[in-house]
PDB file of N, CA and C in Angstrom:
ATOM      1  N   MET A   1     106.457  41.700 126.304  1.00  0.00           N
ATOM      2  CA  MET A   1     107.996  41.876 126.261  1.00  0.00           C
ATOM      3  C   MET A   1     108.262  41.126 127.706  1.00  0.00           C
ATOM      4  N   LEU A   2     109.318  40.408 127.661  1.00  0.00           N
ATOM      5  CA  LEU A   2     109.909  39.733 128.881  1.00  0.00           C
ATOM      6  C   LEU A   2     110.991  40.463 129.445  1.00  0.00           C
ATOM      7  N   VAL A   3     111.066  40.780 130.566  1.00  0.00           N
ATOM      8  CA  VAL A   3     112.366  41.496 131.247  1.00  0.00           C
ATOM      9  C   VAL A   3     113.071  40.366 132.252  1.00  0.00           C
ATOM     10  N   ILE A   4     114.054  39.896 131.893  1.00  0.00           N
ATOM     11  CA  ILE A   4     114.623  38.977 132.819  1.00  0.00           C
ATOM     12  C   ILE A   4     115.557  39.604 133.839  1.00  0.00           C
ATOM     13  N   ILE A   5     116.345  40.332 133.557  1.00  0.00           N
ATOM     14  CA  ILE A   5     117.230  41.230 134.380  1.00  0.00           C
ATOM     15  C   ILE A   5     117.237  42.764 134.093  1.00  0.00           C
ATOM     16  N   HIS A   6     117.534  43.453 135.185  1.00  0.00           N
ATOM     17  CA  HIS A   6     117.556  44.945 134.905  1.00  0.00           C
ATOM     18  C   HIS A   6     118.386  45.497 133.933  1.00  0.00           C
ATOM     19  N   THR A   7     119.433  44.705 133.470  1.00  0.00           N
ATOM     20  CA  THR A   7     120.269  45.224 132.439  1.00  0.00           C
ATOM     21  C   THR A   7     119.530  45.224 130.975  1.00  0.00           C
ATOM     22  N   GLN A   8     118.688  44.189 130.930  1.00  0.00           N
ATOM     23  CA  GLN A   8     117.822  43.975 129.730  1.00  0.00           C
ATOM     24  C   GLN A   8     116.800  45.220 129.671  1.00  0.00           C
ATOM     25  N   ALA A   9     116.353  45.592 130.788  1.00  0.00           N
ATOM     26  CA  ALA A   9     115.421  46.788 130.851  1.00  0.00           C
ATOM     27  C   ALA A   9     116.075  47.955 130.393  1.00  0.00           C
ATOM     28  N   GLN A  10     117.241  48.233 130.892  1.00  0.00           N
ATOM     29  CA  GLN A  10     118.191  49.375 130.423  1.00  0.00           C
ATOM     30  C   GLN A  10     118.356  49.341 128.918  1.00  0.00           C
ATOM     31  N   GLY A  11     118.709  48.230 128.390  1.00  0.00           N
ATOM     32  CA  GLY A  11     118.806  48.045 126.941  1.00  0.00           C
ATOM     33  C   GLY A  11     117.463  48.419 126.221  1.00  0.00           C
ATOM     34  N   LEU A  12     116.314  47.985 126.725  1.00  0.00           N
ATOM     35  CA  LEU A  12     115.017  48.108 126.105  1.00  0.00           C
ATOM     36  C   LEU A  12     114.731  49.604 126.073  1.00  0.00           C
ATOM     37  N   VAL A  13     115.030  50.338 127.305  1.00  0.00           N
ATOM     38  CA  VAL A  13     114.889  51.786 127.274  1.00  0.00           C
ATOM     39  C   VAL A  13     115.720  52.459 126.186  1.00  0.00           C
ATOM     40  N   ARG A  14     117.011  52.186 125.999  1.00  0.00           N
ATOM     41  CA  ARG A  14     117.834  52.688 124.974  1.00  0.00           C
ATOM     42  C   ARG A  14     117.116  52.381 123.615  1.00  0.00           C
ATOM     43  N   ALA A  15     116.770  51.143 123.371  1.00  0.00           N
ATOM     44  CA  ALA A  15     116.146  50.643 122.117  1.00  0.00           C
ATOM     45  C   ALA A  15     114.931  51.547 121.707  1.00  0.00           C
ATOM     46  N   MET A  16     114.125  51.691 122.731  1.00  0.00           N
ATOM     47  CA  MET A  16     112.807  52.382 122.564  1.00  0.00           C
ATOM     48  C   MET A  16     112.837  53.890 122.657  1.00  0.00           C
ATOM     49  N   GLY A  17     114.144  54.514 122.750  1.00  0.00           N
ATOM     50  CA  GLY A  17     114.281  55.915 122.757  1.00  0.00           C
ATOM     51  C   GLY A  17     113.916  56.593 123.955  1.00  0.00           C
ATOM     52  N   GLY A  18     114.025  55.837 125.102  1.00  0.00           N
ATOM     53  CA  GLY A  18     113.664  56.384 126.546  1.00  0.00           C
ATOM     54  C   GLY A  18     112.555  55.814 127.112  1.00  0.00           C
ATOM     55  N   THR A  19     112.274  56.172 128.151  1.00  0.00           N
ATOM     56  CA  THR A  19     111.034  55.677 128.957  1.00  0.00           C
ATOM     57  C   THR A  19     109.713  56.054 128.371  1.00  0.00           C
ATOM     58  N   GLU A  20     109.654  57.203 127.682  1.00  0.00           N
ATOM     59  CA  GLU A  20     108.410  57.607 127.016  1.00  0.00           C
ATOM     60  C   GLU A  20     107.932  56.616 125.895  1.00  0.00           C
ATOM     61  N   GLY A  21     108.967  55.974 125.171  1.00  0.00           N
ATOM     62  CA  GLY A  21     108.740  54.873 124.257  1.00  0.00           C
ATOM     63  C   GLY A  21     108.196  53.682 124.873  1.00  0.00           C
ATOM     64  N   ILE A  22     108.636  53.457 126.027  1.00  0.00           N
ATOM     65  CA  ILE A  22     108.117  52.196 126.702  1.00  0.00           C
ATOM     66  C   ILE A  22     106.681  52.428 127.137  1.00  0.00           C
ATOM     67  N   LYS A  23     106.493  53.658 127.791  1.00  0.00           N
ATOM     68  CA  LYS A  23     105.145  53.976 128.238  1.00  0.00           C
ATOM     69  C   LYS A  23     104.084  54.032 127.033  1.00  0.00           C
ATOM     70  N   ALA A  24     104.512  54.470 125.885  1.00  0.00           N
ATOM     71  CA  ALA A  24     103.636  54.654 124.822  1.00  0.00           C
ATOM     72  C   ALA A  24     103.386  53.110 124.269  1.00  0.00           C
ATOM     73  N   ALA A  25     104.259  52.344 124.265  1.00  0.00           N
ATOM     74  CA  ALA A  25     103.988  50.932 123.833  1.00  0.00           C
ATOM     75  C   ALA A  25     102.948  50.225 124.666  1.00  0.00           C
ATOM     76  N   VAL A  26     103.127  50.453 125.968  1.00  0.00           N
ATOM     77  CA  VAL A  26     102.265  49.799 126.944  1.00  0.00           C
ATOM     78  C   VAL A  26     100.823  50.306 126.816  1.00  0.00           C
ATOM     79  N   ARG A  27     100.787  51.684 126.762  1.00  0.00           N
ATOM     80  CA  ARG A  27      99.585  52.322 126.690  1.00  0.00           C
ATOM     81  C   ARG A  27      98.737  52.129 125.263  1.00  0.00           C
ATOM     82  N   GLU A  28      99.578  52.259 124.194  1.00  0.00           N
ATOM     83  CA  GLU A  28      98.918  52.412 122.960  1.00  0.00           C
ATOM     84  C   GLU A  28      98.922  51.119 122.154  1.00  0.00           C
ATOM     85  N   LYS A  29      99.714  50.218 122.495  1.00  0.00           N
ATOM     86  CA  LYS A  29      99.851  48.889 121.793  1.00  0.00           C
ATOM     87  C   LYS A  29      99.618  47.620 122.582  1.00  0.00           C
ATOM     88  N   GLY A  30      99.216  47.903 123.955  1.00  0.00           N
ATOM     89  CA  GLY A  30      98.833  46.761 124.696  1.00  0.00           C
ATOM     90  C   GLY A  30      99.960  45.929 125.126  1.00  0.00           C
ATOM     91  N   VAL A  31     101.205  46.440 125.123  1.00  0.00           N
ATOM     92  CA  VAL A  31     102.382  45.635 125.335  1.00  0.00           C
ATOM     93  C   VAL A  31     102.287  45.103 126.879  1.00  0.00           C
ATOM     94  N   VAL A  32     102.481  43.920 127.170  1.00  0.00           N
ATOM     95  CA  VAL A  32     102.503  43.396 128.576  1.00  0.00           C
ATOM     96  C   VAL A  32     103.944  43.195 128.905  1.00  0.00           C
ATOM     97  N   LEU A  33     104.363  43.800 129.990  1.00  0.00           N
ATOM     98  CA  LEU A  33     105.673  43.516 130.672  1.00  0.00           C
ATOM     99  C   LEU A  33     105.656  42.455 131.537  1.00  0.00           C
ATOM    100  N   ALA A  34     106.504  41.442 131.526  1.00  0.00           N
ATOM    101  CA  ALA A  34     106.617  40.447 132.512  1.00  0.00           C
ATOM    102  C   ALA A  34     107.922  40.247 133.037  1.00  0.00           C
ATOM    103  N   ALA A  35     108.014  39.857 134.321  1.00  0.00           N
ATOM    104  CA  ALA A  35     109.162  39.667 134.886  1.00  0.00           C
ATOM    105  C   ALA A  35     109.313  38.363 135.663  1.00  0.00           C
ATOM    106  N   HIS A  36     110.513  37.623 135.803  1.00  0.00           N
ATOM    107  CA  HIS A  36     110.693  36.455 136.529  1.00  0.00           C
ATOM    108  C   HIS A  36     111.051  36.834 137.899  1.00  0.00           C
ATOM    109  N   GLY A  37     109.959  37.108 138.653  1.00  0.00           N
ATOM    110  CA  GLY A  37     110.067  37.114 140.117  1.00  0.00           C
ATOM    111  C   GLY A  37     109.859  38.632 140.539  1.00  0.00           C
ATOM    112  N   PRO A  38     109.660  38.862 141.783  1.00  0.00           N
ATOM    113  CA  PRO A  38     109.333  40.193 142.266  1.00  0.00           C
ATOM    114  C   PRO A  38     110.599  41.222 142.373  1.00  0.00           C
ATOM    115  N   PHE A  39     111.719  40.614 142.474  1.00  0.00           N
ATOM    116  CA  PHE A  39     112.889  41.452 142.687  1.00  0.00           C
ATOM    117  C   PHE A  39     113.256  42.001 141.320  1.00  0.00           C
ATOM    118  N   THR A  40     113.088  41.216 140.181  1.00  0.00           N
ATOM    119  CA  THR A  40     113.350  41.584 138.860  1.00  0.00           C
ATOM    120  C   THR A  40     112.210  42.601 138.395  1.00  0.00           C
ATOM    121  N   ALA A  41     111.072  42.370 138.765  1.00  0.00           N
ATOM    122  CA  ALA A  41     110.060  43.271 138.476  1.00  0.00           C
ATOM    123  C   ALA A  41     110.123  44.666 139.057  1.00  0.00           C
ATOM    124  N   ALA A  42     110.486  44.603 140.242  1.00  0.00           N
ATOM    125  CA  ALA A  42     110.899  46.018 140.953  1.00  0.00           C
ATOM    126  C   ALA A  42     111.881  46.684 140.239  1.00  0.00           C
ATOM    127  N   GLY A  43     112.985  45.933 140.055  1.00  0.00           N
ATOM    128  CA  GLY A  43     114.147  46.606 139.314  1.00  0.00           C
ATOM    129  C   GLY A  43     113.673  47.077 137.862  1.00  0.00           C
ATOM    130  N   ALA A  44     113.072  46.301 137.172  1.00  0.00           N
ATOM    131  CA  ALA A  44     112.659  46.690 135.796  1.00  0.00           C
ATOM    132  C   ALA A  44     111.657  47.839 135.889  1.00  0.00           C
ATOM    133  N   SER A  45     110.836  47.826 136.860  1.00  0.00           N
ATOM    134  CA  SER A  45     109.849  48.963 136.984  1.00  0.00           C
ATOM    135  C   SER A  45     110.470  50.332 137.153  1.00  0.00           C
ATOM    136  N   ALA A  46     111.635  50.186 138.016  1.00  0.00           N
ATOM    137  CA  ALA A  46     112.313  51.395 138.369  1.00  0.00           C
ATOM    138  C   ALA A  46     113.062  51.922 137.125  1.00  0.00           C
ATOM    139  N   VAL A  47     113.688  51.064 136.168  1.00  0.00           N
ATOM    140  CA  VAL A  47     114.310  51.408 134.912  1.00  0.00           C
ATOM    141  C   VAL A  47     113.339  51.774 133.889  1.00  0.00           C
ATOM    142  N   LEU A  48     112.257  51.136 133.729  1.00  0.00           N
ATOM    143  CA  LEU A  48     111.363  51.353 132.672  1.00  0.00           C
ATOM    144  C   LEU A  48     110.478  52.443 132.838  1.00  0.00           C
ATOM    145  N   GLY A  49     110.230  52.931 134.112  1.00  0.00           N
ATOM    146  CA  GLY A  49     109.298  54.037 134.342  1.00  0.00           C
ATOM    147  C   GLY A  49     107.865  53.551 134.406  1.00  0.00           C
ATOM    148  N   VAL A  50     107.517  52.222 134.300  1.00  0.00           N
ATOM    149  CA  VAL A  50     106.122  51.726 134.303  1.00  0.00           C
ATOM    150  C   VAL A  50     106.133  50.480 135.248  1.00  0.00           C
ATOM    151  N   SER A  51     104.956  50.124 135.724  1.00  0.00           N
ATOM    152  CA  SER A  51     104.887  48.966 136.467  1.00  0.00           C
ATOM    153  C   SER A  51     104.914  47.715 135.632  1.00  0.00           C
ATOM    154  N   VAL A  52     105.552  46.753 136.167  1.00  0.00           N
ATOM    155  CA  VAL A  52     105.524  45.357 135.552  1.00  0.00           C
ATOM    156  C   VAL A  52     104.431  44.563 136.271  1.00  0.00           C
ATOM    157  N   ASP A  53     103.310  44.401 135.724  1.00  0.00           N
ATOM    158  CA  ASP A  53     102.248  43.783 136.220  1.00  0.00           C
ATOM    159  C   ASP A  53     102.248  42.176 136.296  1.00  0.00           C
ATOM    160  N   CYS A  54     102.885  41.617 135.251  1.00  0.00           N
ATOM    161  CA  CYS A  54     102.893  40.227 135.164  1.00  0.00           C
ATOM    162  C   CYS A  54     104.200  39.715 135.720  1.00  0.00           C
ATOM    163  N   VAL A  55     104.168  39.003 136.974  1.00  0.00           N
ATOM    164  CA  VAL A  55     105.193  38.531 137.775  1.00  0.00           C
ATOM    165  C   VAL A  55     105.075  37.094 138.140  1.00  0.00           C
ATOM    166  N   SER A  56     106.083  36.361 137.815  1.00  0.00           N
ATOM    167  CA  SER A  56     105.950  34.908 138.280  1.00  0.00           C
ATOM    168  C   SER A  56     105.914  34.749 139.757  1.00  0.00           C
ATOM    169  N   LYS A  57     105.057  33.951 140.183  1.00  0.00           N
ATOM    170  CA  LYS A  57     105.032  33.594 141.704  1.00  0.00           C
ATOM    171  C   LYS A  57     106.026  32.474 142.005  1.00  0.00           C
ATOM    172  N   ASP A  58     106.153  31.538 141.125  1.00  0.00           N
ATOM    173  CA  ASP A  58     107.162  30.456 141.346  1.00  0.00           C
ATOM    174  C   ASP A  58     108.258  30.680 140.528  1.00  0.00           C
ATOM    175  N   PHE A  59     109.266  31.318 140.969  1.00  0.00           N
ATOM    176  CA  PHE A  59     110.444  31.761 140.159  1.00  0.00           C
ATOM    177  C   PHE A  59     111.625  30.766 140.253  1.00  0.00           C
ATOM    178  N   SER A  60     111.375  29.527 140.679  1.00  0.00           N
ATOM    179  CA  SER A  60     112.304  28.477 140.793  1.00  0.00           C
ATOM    180  C   SER A  60     112.765  27.929 139.394  1.00  0.00           C
ATOM    181  N   SER A  61     111.832  28.045 138.378  1.00  0.00           N
ATOM    182  CA  SER A  61     112.129  27.849 136.984  1.00  0.00           C
ATOM    183  C   SER A  61     111.365  28.687 135.984  1.00  0.00           C
ATOM    184  N   PHE A  62     111.421  28.718 134.859  1.00  0.00           N
ATOM    185  CA  PHE A  62     110.868  29.475 133.900  1.00  0.00           C
ATOM    186  C   PHE A  62     109.414  29.059 133.646  1.00  0.00           C
ATOM    187  N   ALA A  63     109.046  27.977 134.200  1.00  0.00           N
ATOM    188  CA  ALA A  63     107.750  27.428 134.135  1.00  0.00           C
ATOM    189  C   ALA A  63     106.734  28.393 135.018  1.00  0.00           C
ATOM    190  N   GLY A  64     107.325  29.009 135.941  1.00  0.00           N
ATOM    191  CA  GLY A  64     106.509  29.880 136.760  1.00  0.00           C
ATOM    192  C   GLY A  64     106.245  31.218 135.956  1.00  0.00           C
ATOM    193  N   LEU A  65     107.221  31.633 135.151  1.00  0.00           N
ATOM    194  CA  LEU A  65     106.909  32.726 134.310  1.00  0.00           C
ATOM    195  C   LEU A  65     105.911  32.460 133.261  1.00  0.00           C
ATOM    196  N   VAL A  66     106.083  31.366 132.679  1.00  0.00           N
ATOM    197  CA  VAL A  66     105.092  30.864 131.615  1.00  0.00           C
ATOM    198  C   VAL A  66     103.608  30.693 132.263  1.00  0.00           C
ATOM    199  N   ALA A  67     103.573  30.286 133.533  1.00  0.00           N
ATOM    200  CA  ALA A  67     102.253  30.257 134.139  1.00  0.00           C
ATOM    201  C   ALA A  67     101.676  31.733 134.448  1.00  0.00           C
ATOM    202  N   ALA A  68     102.504  32.692 134.783  1.00  0.00           N
ATOM    203  CA  ALA A  68     102.194  34.022 135.059  1.00  0.00           C
ATOM    204  C   ALA A  68     101.643  34.547 133.768  1.00  0.00           C
ATOM    205  N   LEU A  69     102.238  34.317 132.558  1.00  0.00           N
ATOM    206  CA  LEU A  69     101.956  34.800 131.263  1.00  0.00           C
ATOM    207  C   LEU A  69     100.616  34.286 130.888  1.00  0.00           C
ATOM    208  N   GLU A  70     100.398  32.998 131.104  1.00  0.00           N
ATOM    209  CA  GLU A  70      99.076  32.371 130.904  1.00  0.00           C
ATOM    210  C   GLU A  70      97.982  32.993 131.646  1.00  0.00           C
ATOM    211  N   ASP A  71      98.158  33.155 132.813  1.00  0.00           N
ATOM    212  CA  ASP A  71      97.214  33.838 133.779  1.00  0.00           C
ATOM    213  C   ASP A  71      96.859  35.281 133.293  1.00  0.00           C
ATOM    214  N   GLU A  72      97.893  35.930 132.879  1.00  0.00           N
ATOM    215  CA  GLU A  72      97.719  37.292 132.461  1.00  0.00           C
ATOM    216  C   GLU A  72      96.868  37.274 131.111  1.00  0.00           C
ATOM    217  N   PHE A  73      97.124  36.484 130.113  1.00  0.00           N
ATOM    218  CA  PHE A  73      96.415  36.471 128.999  1.00  0.00           C
ATOM    219  C   PHE A  73      95.056  35.823 129.004  1.00  0.00           C
ATOM    220  N   TRP A  74      94.753  34.977 129.956  1.00  0.00           N
ATOM    221  CA  TRP A  74      93.529  34.419 130.038  1.00  0.00           C
ATOM    222  C   TRP A  74      92.595  35.512 130.849  1.00  0.00           C
ATOM    223  N   ALA A  75      93.203  36.168 131.607  1.00  0.00           N
ATOM    224  CA  ALA A  75      92.349  37.343 132.238  1.00  0.00           C
ATOM    225  C   ALA A  75      91.963  38.399 131.347  1.00  0.00           C
ATOM    226  N   GLN A  76      92.555  38.602 130.187  1.00  0.00           N
ATOM    227  CA  GLN A  76      92.118  39.629 129.258  1.00  0.00           C
ATOM    228  C   GLN A  76      90.994  39.402 128.509  1.00  0.00           C
TER     229      GLN A  76
END
């Protein structure tokens, strides 16, 4: 799942039936939460109730987010 802004995180919580649905998806289904920069990751973590571990380091373009996702999946 990609979280671009905190309002998307709020919508995701509603769609998943609350933060417990998010936590279950991460824990049981191996869902990776990714955010485009540390500010977005912090906001999304607060809304979702779980940490966002895949965070772009270069958030000047979405290429940084793609690079962070590549790193995350190569590490698995």
